[in-house]
Amino acid sequence: MYDLIGDLHGHAAELRQLLQQLDYAPDAHGVYRHAGGRQVIFVGDFIDRGLAIRETLQIVRGMVDGGSALAVMGNHEYNALAFWTFDPTGGHLRPHKPVHIIQHLETIKEFRSKELFAEWLDYLKWFYTLPLFLELPGLRVVHACWDARYIAQLRQWLPDDRLTPEFLLRASRPGSAEMDAVEITLKGHETILPDDIHFFDKDGHRRTRMRTAWWRDPAAATYDDYYLEPIEVLAGQPVDVAALPNASYYQDETPVFFGHYWLRGEPRLLTPHSVCLDYSVARGGELVAYRWHGEQVLTPAGLVRVTGIKG
């Protein structure tokens, strides 16, 4: 069965500790394995923000290439590919604006030497081998959002569910169907806030668009439940479903595991069939996993968190 691990963002010490808690140990080649044959599934976002990005990549890639783990692409790996890919019309597919450089800065710093930059270029090639999502017997894994409409589109365009350089170019064009599908799958649904309302995100940027809880029925939710950040003036109000473009929510009974959303507080299930494993390890939170034994209805007992860093 599988042990699903949330966003890492260069936090190798927490990853090693969590793997130990889950009874994985390094083999003669340093690859973490489980004696009982279990596998890890990583939900993406290995890079940026933390101070041990190279070590994190070494652990994750070693496990994936060694057959003891699977992994999906996170939006930070996707952004990195676009950041380092030249645009035929000039510049890069992800423009080198200050906000993009700052987000990627710890990774740039870690691989800044000539020798390590060659290693970084090899990691960029490896990112192309990561699927955008996984559908395995009994479970689904995606970095941010499992919306069947966009998953179906991506399957049409990408038969093996992996990016190609040509698709990356098309998906970098604003307004394209390819961009919409990738953005929603790797970054989630967003909606424009009503009445010129705004908020400031975790990095202090002013936002007028809000990430939404795609796993909840908006017609049965208040804004407290449906928005991923609290908006005081909307507290307790029912969601205006008529104002939501393209609204849908996850209704399947196949468990879906994801990260991305910088949750805080006590790790918890979102619904009986969905769980977010990102509890903001890069912002002083915890690294969280779910130990899955094949159950269709998820249980809080499956959640595992790092209980302390050893050495």
C-alpha atoms as a PDB file:
ATOM      1  CA  MET A   1       0.000   0.000   0.000  1.00  0.00           C
ATOM      2  CA  TYR A   2       1.007   3.657  -0.007  1.00  0.00           C
ATOM      3  CA  ASP A   3       2.233   6.375   2.323  1.00  0.00           C
ATOM      4  CA  LEU A   4       1.356   9.761   0.838  1.00  0.00           C
ATOM      5  CA  ILE A   5       3.551  12.700   1.852  1.00  0.00           C
ATOM      6  CA  GLY A   6       2.740  16.404   1.586  1.00  0.00           C
ATOM      7  CA  ASP A   7       4.654  19.378   0.157  1.00  0.00           C
ATOM      8  CA  LEU A   8       8.344  19.346   1.150  1.00  0.00           C
ATOM      9  CA  HIS A   9       9.774  22.672  -0.071  1.00  0.00           C
ATOM     10  CA  GLY A  10      13.369  21.789   0.703  1.00  0.00           C
ATOM     11  CA  HIS A  11      12.804  20.420   4.229  1.00  0.00           C
ATOM     12  CA  ALA A  12      14.984  17.330   4.101  1.00  0.00           C
ATOM     13  CA  ALA A  13      15.359  16.874   7.872  1.00  0.00           C
ATOM     14  CA  GLU A  14      11.597  16.683   8.346  1.00  0.00           C
ATOM     15  CA  LEU A  15      11.357  14.278   5.420  1.00  0.00           C
ATOM     16  CA  ARG A  16      13.982  11.949   6.858  1.00  0.00           C
ATOM     17  CA  GLN A  17      12.262  11.979  10.226  1.00  0.00           C
ATOM     18  CA  LEU A  18       8.846  11.273   8.701  1.00  0.00           C
ATOM     19  CA  LEU A  19      10.250   8.403   6.649  1.00  0.00           C
ATOM     20  CA  GLN A  20      11.744   6.928   9.823  1.00  0.00           C
ATOM     21  CA  GLN A  21       8.414   7.235  11.611  1.00  0.00           C
ATOM     22  CA  LEU A  22       6.800   5.392   8.689  1.00  0.00           C
ATOM     23  CA  ASP A  23       9.424   2.603   9.023  1.00  0.00           C
ATOM     24  CA  TYR A  24      11.448   3.422   5.932  1.00  0.00           C
ATOM     25  CA  ALA A  25      15.226   3.027   6.173  1.00  0.00           C
ATOM     26  CA  PRO A  26      18.090   3.705   3.727  1.00  0.00           C
ATOM     27  CA  ASP A  27      19.478   0.701   1.865  1.00  0.00           C
ATOM     28  CA  ALA A  28      23.123   0.197   0.893  1.00  0.00           C
ATOM     29  CA  HIS A  29      22.758   2.892  -1.781  1.00  0.00           C
ATOM     30  CA  GLY A  30      21.069   5.390   0.552  1.00  0.00           C
ATOM     31  CA  VAL A  31      17.605   4.879  -0.937  1.00  0.00           C
ATOM     32  CA  TYR A  32      14.812   4.795   1.651  1.00  0.00           C
ATOM     33  CA  ARG A  33      12.768   1.601   1.468  1.00  0.00           C
ATOM     34  CA  HIS A  34      10.078  -0.103   3.524  1.00  0.00           C
ATOM     35  CA  ALA A  35      10.792  -3.652   4.593  1.00  0.00           C
ATOM     36  CA  GLY A  36       7.171  -4.598   3.999  1.00  0.00           C
ATOM     37  CA  GLY A  37       7.176  -3.316   0.410  1.00  0.00           C
ATOM     38  CA  ARG A  38       5.067  -0.205   0.939  1.00  0.00           C
ATOM     39  CA  GLN A  39       5.686   2.764  -1.371  1.00  0.00           C
ATOM     40  CA  VAL A  40       5.635   6.501  -0.790  1.00  0.00           C
ATOM     41  CA  ILE A  41       3.692   8.828  -3.070  1.00  0.00           C
ATOM     42  CA  PHE A  42       4.922  12.429  -3.023  1.00  0.00           C
ATOM     43  CA  VAL A  43       2.335  15.088  -3.940  1.00  0.00           C
ATOM     44  CA  GLY A  44       4.866  17.531  -5.443  1.00  0.00           C
ATOM     45  CA  ASP A  45       6.520  20.839  -4.470  1.00  0.00           C
ATOM     46  CA  PHE A  46       9.982  19.572  -3.567  1.00  0.00           C
ATOM     47  CA  ILE A  47      11.818  22.828  -4.267  1.00  0.00           C
ATOM     48  CA  ASP A  48      11.880  26.534  -3.253  1.00  0.00           C
ATOM     49  CA  ARG A  49      11.558  28.175   0.179  1.00  0.00           C
ATOM     50  CA  GLY A  50      13.542  25.680   2.291  1.00  0.00           C
ATOM     51  CA  LEU A  51      17.303  25.500   2.849  1.00  0.00           C
ATOM     52  CA  ALA A  52      17.904  21.830   1.928  1.00  0.00           C
ATOM     53  CA  ILE A  53      16.460  21.691  -1.575  1.00  0.00           C
ATOM     54  CA  ARG A  54      19.270  19.671  -3.120  1.00  0.00           C
ATOM     55  CA  GLU A  55      19.139  17.065  -0.348  1.00  0.00           C
ATOM     56  CA  THR A  56      15.354  16.880  -0.646  1.00  0.00           C
ATOM     57  CA  LEU A  57      15.603  16.262  -4.380  1.00  0.00           C
ATOM     58  CA  GLN A  58      18.261  13.613  -3.821  1.00  0.00           C
ATOM     59  CA  ILE A  59      16.010  11.720  -1.395  1.00  0.00           C
ATOM     60  CA  VAL A  60      12.873  12.000  -3.529  1.00  0.00           C
ATOM     61  CA  ARG A  61      14.521  11.196  -6.846  1.00  0.00           C
ATOM     62  CA  GLY A  62      16.490   8.335  -5.305  1.00  0.00           C
ATOM     63  CA  MET A  63      13.266   6.770  -4.062  1.00  0.00           C
ATOM     64  CA  VAL A  64      11.349   7.342  -7.302  1.00  0.00           C
ATOM     65  CA  ASP A  65      14.159   6.095  -9.547  1.00  0.00           C
ATOM     66  CA  GLY A  66      14.792   3.224  -7.122  1.00  0.00           C
ATOM     67  CA  GLY A  67      11.168   2.037  -7.190  1.00  0.00           C
ATOM     68  CA  SER A  68      10.282   2.777  -3.562  1.00  0.00           C
ATOM     69  CA  ALA A  69       8.209   5.881  -4.358  1.00  0.00           C
ATOM     70  CA  LEU A  70       5.990   7.552  -6.911  1.00  0.00           C
ATOM     71  CA  ALA A  71       5.558  11.299  -7.315  1.00  0.00           C
ATOM     72  CA  VAL A  72       3.409  13.839  -9.110  1.00  0.00           C
ATOM     73  CA  MET A  73       4.498  17.268 -10.303  1.00  0.00           C
ATOM     74  CA  GLY A  74       3.817  20.286  -8.120  1.00  0.00           C
ATOM     75  CA  ASN A  75       3.267  23.821  -9.315  1.00  0.00           C
ATOM     76  CA  HIS A  76       6.775  24.765  -8.121  1.00  0.00           C
ATOM     77  CA  GLU A  77       8.364  22.134 -10.384  1.00  0.00           C
ATOM     78  CA  TYR A  78       6.126  23.317 -13.219  1.00  0.00           C
ATOM     79  CA  ASN A  79       7.039  26.948 -12.543  1.00  0.00           C
ATOM     80  CA  ALA A  80      10.733  26.032 -12.517  1.00  0.00           C
ATOM     81  CA  LEU A  81      10.480  24.436 -15.950  1.00  0.00           C
ATOM     82  CA  ALA A  82       8.796  27.568 -17.303  1.00  0.00           C
ATOM     83  CA  PHE A  83      11.280  29.858 -15.491  1.00  0.00           C
ATOM     84  CA  TRP A  84      14.293  28.188 -17.134  1.00  0.00           C
ATOM     85  CA  THR A  85      12.760  27.685 -20.607  1.00  0.00           C
ATOM     86  CA  PHE A  86      13.340  30.371 -23.231  1.00  0.00           C
ATOM     87  CA  ASP A  87      10.267  31.756 -24.967  1.00  0.00           C
ATOM     88  CA  PRO A  88      10.679  31.766 -28.769  1.00  0.00           C
ATOM     89  CA  THR A  89       9.229  35.291 -28.760  1.00  0.00           C
ATOM     90  CA  GLY A  90      11.796  36.517 -26.208  1.00  0.00           C
ATOM     91  CA  GLY A  91      12.532  36.152 -22.506  1.00  0.00           C
ATOM     92  CA  HIS A  92      11.373  33.070 -20.620  1.00  0.00           C
ATOM     93  CA  LEU A  93       8.038  31.265 -20.435  1.00  0.00           C
ATOM     94  CA  ARG A  94       7.784  32.346 -16.795  1.00  0.00           C
ATOM     95  CA  PRO A  95       8.992  35.968 -16.890  1.00  0.00           C
ATOM     96  CA  HIS A  96      11.892  36.813 -14.581  1.00  0.00           C
ATOM     97  CA  LYS A  97       9.886  39.342 -12.607  1.00  0.00           C
ATOM     98  CA  PRO A  98      10.951  40.079  -9.006  1.00  0.00           C
ATOM     99  CA  VAL A  99       8.033  38.119  -7.539  1.00  0.00           C
ATOM    100  CA  HIS A 100       8.982  35.015  -9.566  1.00  0.00           C
ATOM    101  CA  ILE A 101      12.671  35.334  -8.745  1.00  0.00           C
ATOM    102  CA  ILE A 102      11.975  35.713  -5.025  1.00  0.00           C
ATOM    103  CA  GLN A 103       9.725  32.648  -5.027  1.00  0.00           C
ATOM    104  CA  HIS A 104      12.473  30.602  -6.694  1.00  0.00           C
ATOM    105  CA  LEU A 105      15.427  32.263  -4.956  1.00  0.00           C
ATOM    106  CA  GLU A 106      16.429  29.527  -2.497  1.00  0.00           C
ATOM    107  CA  THR A 107      16.621  27.024  -5.345  1.00  0.00           C
ATOM    108  CA  ILE A 108      18.705  29.414  -7.461  1.00  0.00           C
ATOM    109  CA  LYS A 109      21.074  29.980  -4.546  1.00  0.00           C
ATOM    110  CA  GLU A 110      21.478  26.276  -3.800  1.00  0.00           C
ATOM    111  CA  PHE A 111      22.513  25.427  -7.381  1.00  0.00           C
ATOM    112  CA  ARG A 112      24.414  28.618  -8.189  1.00  0.00           C
ATOM    113  CA  SER A 113      27.883  27.067  -8.670  1.00  0.00           C
ATOM    114  CA  LYS A 114      28.894  25.846 -12.126  1.00  0.00           C
ATOM    115  CA  GLU A 115      29.114  22.220 -10.994  1.00  0.00           C
ATOM    116  CA  LEU A 116      25.783  22.227  -9.204  1.00  0.00           C
ATOM    117  CA  PHE A 117      24.020  24.134 -11.964  1.00  0.00           C
ATOM    118  CA  ALA A 118      24.702  21.209 -14.313  1.00  0.00           C
ATOM    119  CA  GLU A 119      23.040  18.996 -11.709  1.00  0.00           C
ATOM    120  CA  TRP A 120      20.085  21.396 -11.583  1.00  0.00           C
ATOM    121  CA  LEU A 121      19.635  21.169 -15.350  1.00  0.00           C
ATOM    122  CA  ASP A 122      19.437  17.396 -14.951  1.00  0.00           C
ATOM    123  CA  TYR A 123      16.728  17.826 -12.313  1.00  0.00           C
ATOM    124  CA  LEU A 124      14.780  20.001 -14.740  1.00  0.00           C
ATOM    125  CA  LYS A 125      14.897  17.128 -17.231  1.00  0.00           C
ATOM    126  CA  TRP A 126      13.735  14.783 -14.478  1.00  0.00           C
ATOM    127  CA  PHE A 127      10.736  16.992 -13.714  1.00  0.00           C
ATOM    128  CA  TYR A 128       9.421  16.147 -17.176  1.00  0.00           C
ATOM    129  CA  THR A 129       9.178  12.505 -16.069  1.00  0.00           C
ATOM    130  CA  LEU A 130       6.739  13.365 -13.256  1.00  0.00           C
ATOM    131  CA  PRO A 131       3.062  12.846 -14.133  1.00  0.00           C
ATOM    132  CA  LEU A 132       0.605  15.683 -13.561  1.00  0.00           C
ATOM    133  CA  PHE A 133      -1.641  13.271 -11.634  1.00  0.00           C
ATOM    134  CA  LEU A 134      -1.917   9.597 -10.712  1.00  0.00           C
ATOM    135  CA  GLU A 135      -4.949   7.342 -10.813  1.00  0.00           C
ATOM    136  CA  LEU A 136      -4.155   4.004  -9.215  1.00  0.00           C
ATOM    137  CA  PRO A 137      -6.440   1.189  -8.068  1.00  0.00           C
ATOM    138  CA  GLY A 138      -8.500   2.699  -5.261  1.00  0.00           C
ATOM    139  CA  LEU A 139      -7.023   6.203  -5.077  1.00  0.00           C
ATOM    140  CA  ARG A 140      -6.140   9.392  -6.938  1.00  0.00           C
ATOM    141  CA  VAL A 141      -3.266  11.808  -6.385  1.00  0.00           C
ATOM    142  CA  VAL A 142      -2.851  15.341  -7.712  1.00  0.00           C
ATOM    143  CA  HIS A 143      -0.936  18.350  -6.473  1.00  0.00           C
ATOM    144  CA  ALA A 144      -3.830  20.810  -6.203  1.00  0.00           C
ATOM    145  CA  CYS A 145      -7.176  19.919  -7.803  1.00  0.00           C
ATOM    146  CA  TRP A 146      -8.841  16.840  -9.246  1.00  0.00           C
ATOM    147  CA  ASP A 147     -11.431  18.284 -11.602  1.00  0.00           C
ATOM    148  CA  ALA A 148     -12.528  15.493 -13.953  1.00  0.00           C
ATOM    149  CA  ARG A 149     -13.164  17.934 -16.805  1.00  0.00           C
ATOM    150  CA  TYR A 150      -9.569  19.140 -16.900  1.00  0.00           C
ATOM    151  CA  ILE A 151      -8.081  15.734 -16.105  1.00  0.00           C
ATOM    152  CA  ALA A 152      -9.879  14.405 -19.209  1.00  0.00           C
ATOM    153  CA  GLN A 153      -8.467  17.231 -21.339  1.00  0.00           C
ATOM    154  CA  LEU A 154      -4.942  16.611 -20.128  1.00  0.00           C
ATOM    155  CA  ARG A 155      -5.290  12.914 -20.912  1.00  0.00           C
ATOM    156  CA  GLN A 156      -6.258  13.784 -24.475  1.00  0.00           C
ATOM    157  CA  TRP A 157      -3.265  16.046 -24.943  1.00  0.00           C
ATOM    158  CA  LEU A 158      -0.735  14.029 -22.924  1.00  0.00           C
ATOM    159  CA  PRO A 159      -1.285  10.273 -23.322  1.00  0.00           C
ATOM    160  CA  ASP A 160       1.220   9.403 -20.570  1.00  0.00           C
ATOM    161  CA  ASP A 161       0.041  12.286 -18.317  1.00  0.00           C
ATOM    162  CA  ARG A 162       3.473  13.959 -18.474  1.00  0.00           C
ATOM    163  CA  LEU A 163       4.485  17.345 -19.820  1.00  0.00           C
ATOM    164  CA  THR A 164       6.429  17.794 -23.024  1.00  0.00           C
ATOM    165  CA  PRO A 165       8.406  20.916 -23.995  1.00  0.00           C
ATOM    166  CA  GLU A 166       5.893  21.579 -26.759  1.00  0.00           C
ATOM    167  CA  PHE A 167       2.949  21.366 -24.380  1.00  0.00           C
ATOM    168  CA  LEU A 168       4.721  23.584 -21.844  1.00  0.00           C
ATOM    169  CA  LEU A 169       4.951  26.270 -24.530  1.00  0.00           C
ATOM    170  CA  ARG A 170       1.237  26.033 -25.318  1.00  0.00           C
ATOM    171  CA  ALA A 171       0.322  25.972 -21.617  1.00  0.00           C
ATOM    172  CA  SER A 172       2.311  29.186 -21.075  1.00  0.00           C
ATOM    173  CA  ARG A 173       0.051  31.184 -23.389  1.00  0.00           C
ATOM    174  CA  PRO A 174      -2.566  33.160 -21.387  1.00  0.00           C
ATOM    175  CA  GLY A 175      -6.100  32.288 -22.378  1.00  0.00           C
ATOM    176  CA  SER A 176      -5.215  28.901 -23.850  1.00  0.00           C
ATOM    177  CA  ALA A 177      -7.185  25.798 -22.908  1.00  0.00           C
ATOM    178  CA  GLU A 178      -3.874  24.143 -22.052  1.00  0.00           C
ATOM    179  CA  MET A 179      -3.023  26.878 -19.539  1.00  0.00           C
ATOM    180  CA  ASP A 180      -6.449  26.608 -17.913  1.00  0.00           C
ATOM    181  CA  ALA A 181      -6.153  22.836 -17.494  1.00  0.00           C
ATOM    182  CA  VAL A 182      -2.638  22.947 -16.031  1.00  0.00           C
ATOM    183  CA  GLU A 183      -3.331  25.949 -13.784  1.00  0.00           C
ATOM    184  CA  ILE A 184      -6.400  24.316 -12.240  1.00  0.00           C
ATOM    185  CA  THR A 185      -4.741  20.904 -11.841  1.00  0.00           C
ATOM    186  CA  LEU A 186      -1.520  22.248 -10.292  1.00  0.00           C
ATOM    187  CA  LYS A 187      -2.768  25.445  -8.618  1.00  0.00           C
ATOM    188  CA  GLY A 188      -6.490  24.922  -7.991  1.00  0.00           C
ATOM    189  CA  HIS A 189      -9.679  26.837  -8.709  1.00  0.00           C
ATOM    190  CA  GLU A 190      -9.864  30.545  -7.962  1.00  0.00           C
ATOM    191  CA  THR A 191     -12.715  33.029  -8.090  1.00  0.00           C
ATOM    192  CA  ILE A 192     -12.830  36.820  -8.137  1.00  0.00           C
ATOM    193  CA  LEU A 193     -13.747  38.249  -4.746  1.00  0.00           C
ATOM    194  CA  PRO A 194     -17.027  40.213  -4.739  1.00  0.00           C
ATOM    195  CA  ASP A 195     -17.413  43.946  -4.154  1.00  0.00           C
ATOM    196  CA  ASP A 196     -13.731  44.890  -4.610  1.00  0.00           C
ATOM    197  CA  ILE A 197     -12.812  42.864  -1.514  1.00  0.00           C
ATOM    198  CA  HIS A 198      -9.147  41.915  -1.211  1.00  0.00           C
ATOM    199  CA  PHE A 199      -6.760  40.180   1.194  1.00  0.00           C
ATOM    200  CA  PHE A 200      -3.001  39.755   1.632  1.00  0.00           C
ATOM    201  CA  ASP A 201      -1.524  36.301   1.070  1.00  0.00           C
ATOM    202  CA  LYS A 202       1.209  34.497   3.029  1.00  0.00           C
ATOM    203  CA  ASP A 203       3.881  36.468   1.147  1.00  0.00           C
ATOM    204  CA  GLY A 204       2.206  39.839   1.709  1.00  0.00           C
ATOM    205  CA  HIS A 205       0.846  40.236  -1.822  1.00  0.00           C
ATOM    206  CA  ARG A 206      -2.535  41.923  -2.299  1.00  0.00           C
ATOM    207  CA  ARG A 207      -5.002  39.456  -3.807  1.00  0.00           C
ATOM    208  CA  THR A 208      -8.400  39.996  -5.382  1.00  0.00           C
ATOM    209  CA  ARG A 209      -8.854  36.345  -6.363  1.00  0.00           C
ATOM    210  CA  MET A 210      -9.444  33.573  -3.839  1.00  0.00           C
ATOM    211  CA  ARG A 211      -8.597  29.871  -3.940  1.00  0.00           C
ATOM    212  CA  THR A 212     -11.726  27.813  -3.382  1.00  0.00           C
ATOM    213  CA  ALA A 213     -12.402  24.469  -1.722  1.00  0.00           C
ATOM    214  CA  TRP A 214     -13.143  22.354  -4.800  1.00  0.00           C
ATOM    215  CA  TRP A 215     -13.877  19.361  -2.559  1.00  0.00           C
ATOM    216  CA  ARG A 216     -16.942  21.095  -1.011  1.00  0.00           C
ATOM    217  CA  ASP A 217     -20.419  21.651  -2.416  1.00  0.00           C
ATOM    218  CA  PRO A 218     -20.619  25.461  -2.614  1.00  0.00           C
ATOM    219  CA  ALA A 219     -24.410  25.355  -2.436  1.00  0.00           C
ATOM    220  CA  ALA A 220     -24.141  23.847   1.051  1.00  0.00           C
ATOM    221  CA  ALA A 221     -21.260  26.013   2.283  1.00  0.00           C
ATOM    222  CA  THR A 222     -20.612  29.416   3.757  1.00  0.00           C
ATOM    223  CA  TYR A 223     -17.691  31.538   2.601  1.00  0.00           C
ATOM    224  CA  ASP A 224     -15.810  30.428   5.722  1.00  0.00           C
ATOM    225  CA  ASP A 225     -15.925  26.859   4.379  1.00  0.00           C
ATOM    226  CA  TYR A 226     -15.446  27.623   0.700  1.00  0.00           C
ATOM    227  CA  TYR A 227     -12.676  30.230   0.685  1.00  0.00           C
ATOM    228  CA  LEU A 228      -9.169  29.147   1.626  1.00  0.00           C
ATOM    229  CA  GLU A 229      -8.501  32.402   3.498  1.00  0.00           C
ATOM    230  CA  PRO A 230     -10.856  34.083   5.990  1.00  0.00           C
ATOM    231  CA  ILE A 231     -12.691  37.176   4.745  1.00  0.00           C
ATOM    232  CA  GLU A 232     -14.206  38.908   7.749  1.00  0.00           C
ATOM    233  CA  VAL A 233     -16.920  40.834   5.912  1.00  0.00           C
ATOM    234  CA  LEU A 234     -18.244  37.584   4.388  1.00  0.00           C
ATOM    235  CA  ALA A 235     -18.041  35.468   7.541  1.00  0.00           C
ATOM    236  CA  GLY A 236     -21.088  33.254   8.002  1.00  0.00           C
ATOM    237  CA  GLN A 237     -22.688  34.198   4.676  1.00  0.00           C
ATOM    238  CA  PRO A 238     -23.815  31.431   2.295  1.00  0.00           C
ATOM    239  CA  VAL A 239     -21.882  31.163  -0.944  1.00  0.00           C
ATOM    240  CA  ASP A 240     -23.484  32.941  -3.895  1.00  0.00           C
ATOM    241  CA  VAL A 241     -23.318  29.993  -6.284  1.00  0.00           C
ATOM    242  CA  ALA A 242     -24.786  32.032  -9.151  1.00  0.00           C
ATOM    243  CA  ALA A 243     -21.687  34.234  -9.042  1.00  0.00           C
ATOM    244  CA  LEU A 244     -19.301  31.283  -9.436  1.00  0.00           C
ATOM    245  CA  PRO A 245     -18.231  30.638 -13.028  1.00  0.00           C
ATOM    246  CA  ASN A 246     -17.824  26.985 -13.969  1.00  0.00           C
ATOM    247  CA  ALA A 247     -18.665  25.803 -10.433  1.00  0.00           C
ATOM    248  CA  SER A 248     -18.299  22.115  -9.614  1.00  0.00           C
ATOM    249  CA  TYR A 249     -17.068  20.008  -6.725  1.00  0.00           C
ATOM    250  CA  TYR A 250     -15.626  16.561  -6.094  1.00  0.00           C
ATOM    251  CA  GLN A 251     -18.430  14.045  -5.624  1.00  0.00           C
ATOM    252  CA  ASP A 252     -16.652  10.756  -6.327  1.00  0.00           C
ATOM    253  CA  GLU A 253     -16.076   8.131  -3.657  1.00  0.00           C
ATOM    254  CA  THR A 254     -12.543   7.353  -4.808  1.00  0.00           C
ATOM    255  CA  PRO A 255     -10.167   8.859  -2.222  1.00  0.00           C
ATOM    256  CA  VAL A 256      -8.165  11.803  -3.545  1.00  0.00           C
ATOM    257  CA  PHE A 257      -4.917  13.017  -1.958  1.00  0.00           C
ATOM    258  CA  PHE A 258      -3.336  16.403  -2.642  1.00  0.00           C
ATOM    259  CA  GLY A 259      -1.207  19.196  -1.181  1.00  0.00           C
ATOM    260  CA  HIS A 260      -0.683  22.834  -2.168  1.00  0.00           C
ATOM    261  CA  TYR A 261      -3.025  24.720   0.156  1.00  0.00           C
ATOM    262  CA  TRP A 262      -0.827  25.731   3.119  1.00  0.00           C
ATOM    263  CA  LEU A 263      -3.310  24.521   5.700  1.00  0.00           C
ATOM    264  CA  ARG A 264      -2.700  25.275   9.347  1.00  0.00           C
ATOM    265  CA  GLY A 265      -3.695  23.771  12.659  1.00  0.00           C
ATOM    266  CA  GLU A 266      -4.531  20.168  13.469  1.00  0.00           C
ATOM    267  CA  PRO A 267      -4.210  17.840  10.440  1.00  0.00           C
ATOM    268  CA  ARG A 268      -7.661  16.634   9.481  1.00  0.00           C
ATOM    269  CA  LEU A 269      -9.725  15.049   6.738  1.00  0.00           C
ATOM    270  CA  LEU A 270     -11.593  17.483   4.501  1.00  0.00           C
ATOM    271  CA  THR A 271     -14.291  14.963   3.556  1.00  0.00           C
ATOM    272  CA  PRO A 272     -14.500  11.163   3.936  1.00  0.00           C
ATOM    273  CA  HIS A 273     -12.910  10.911   0.483  1.00  0.00           C
ATOM    274  CA  SER A 274     -10.433  13.822   0.348  1.00  0.00           C
ATOM    275  CA  VAL A 275      -7.443  14.983   2.334  1.00  0.00           C
ATOM    276  CA  CYS A 276      -4.903  17.772   1.896  1.00  0.00           C
ATOM    277  CA  LEU A 277      -1.416  16.893   3.158  1.00  0.00           C
ATOM    278  CA  ASP A 278       0.137  20.370   2.984  1.00  0.00           C
ATOM    279  CA  TYR A 279       0.395  21.776   6.509  1.00  0.00           C
ATOM    280  CA  SER A 280       2.849  24.590   5.787  1.00  0.00           C
ATOM    281  CA  VAL A 281       6.149  22.947   6.724  1.00  0.00           C
ATOM    282  CA  ALA A 282       7.900  25.843   4.958  1.00  0.00           C
ATOM    283  CA  ARG A 283       6.122  28.345   7.238  1.00  0.00           C
ATOM    284  CA  GLY A 284       6.707  26.747  10.600  1.00  0.00           C
ATOM    285  CA  GLY A 285       4.003  24.110  10.227  1.00  0.00           C
ATOM    286  CA  GLU A 286       4.270  20.332  10.098  1.00  0.00           C
ATOM    287  CA  LEU A 287       5.146  17.736   7.491  1.00  0.00           C
ATOM    288  CA  VAL A 288       2.151  15.413   7.214  1.00  0.00           C
ATOM    289  CA  ALA A 289       1.496  12.045   5.590  1.00  0.00           C
ATOM    290  CA  TYR A 290      -1.406   9.661   5.228  1.00  0.00           C
ATOM    291  CA  ARG A 291      -0.791   5.922   5.689  1.00  0.00           C
ATOM    292  CA  TRP A 292      -3.251   4.300   3.263  1.00  0.00           C
ATOM    293  CA  HIS A 293      -4.222   0.636   3.596  1.00  0.00           C
ATOM    294  CA  GLY A 294      -6.701   0.506   0.731  1.00  0.00           C
ATOM    295  CA  GLU A 295      -9.708   1.994   2.523  1.00  0.00           C
ATOM    296  CA  GLN A 296     -12.337   3.828   0.487  1.00  0.00           C
ATOM    297  CA  VAL A 297     -13.506   5.918   3.426  1.00  0.00           C
ATOM    298  CA  LEU A 298     -10.540   7.784   4.873  1.00  0.00           C
ATOM    299  CA  THR A 299      -9.959   7.901   8.607  1.00  0.00           C
ATOM    300  CA  PRO A 300      -8.191  10.419  10.865  1.00  0.00           C
ATOM    301  CA  ALA A 301      -6.096   7.530  12.207  1.00  0.00           C
ATOM    302  CA  GLY A 302      -4.292   7.449   8.851  1.00  0.00           C
ATOM    303  CA  LEU A 303      -2.765  10.892   9.351  1.00  0.00           C
ATOM    304  CA  VAL A 304       0.875  10.952  10.473  1.00  0.00           C
ATOM    305  CA  ARG A 305       2.934  14.012  11.377  1.00  0.00           C
ATOM    306  CA  VAL A 306       6.574  14.593  12.178  1.00  0.00           C
ATOM    307  CA  THR A 307       6.882  14.376  15.938  1.00  0.00           C
ATOM    308  CA  GLY A 308      10.367  15.838  16.232  1.00  0.00           C
ATOM    309  CA  ILE A 309      13.597  16.289  14.313  1.00  0.00           C
ATOM    310  CA  LYS A 310      16.463  13.953  15.127  1.00  0.00           C
ATOM    311  CA  GLY A 311      19.972  15.175  14.453  1.00  0.00           C
END
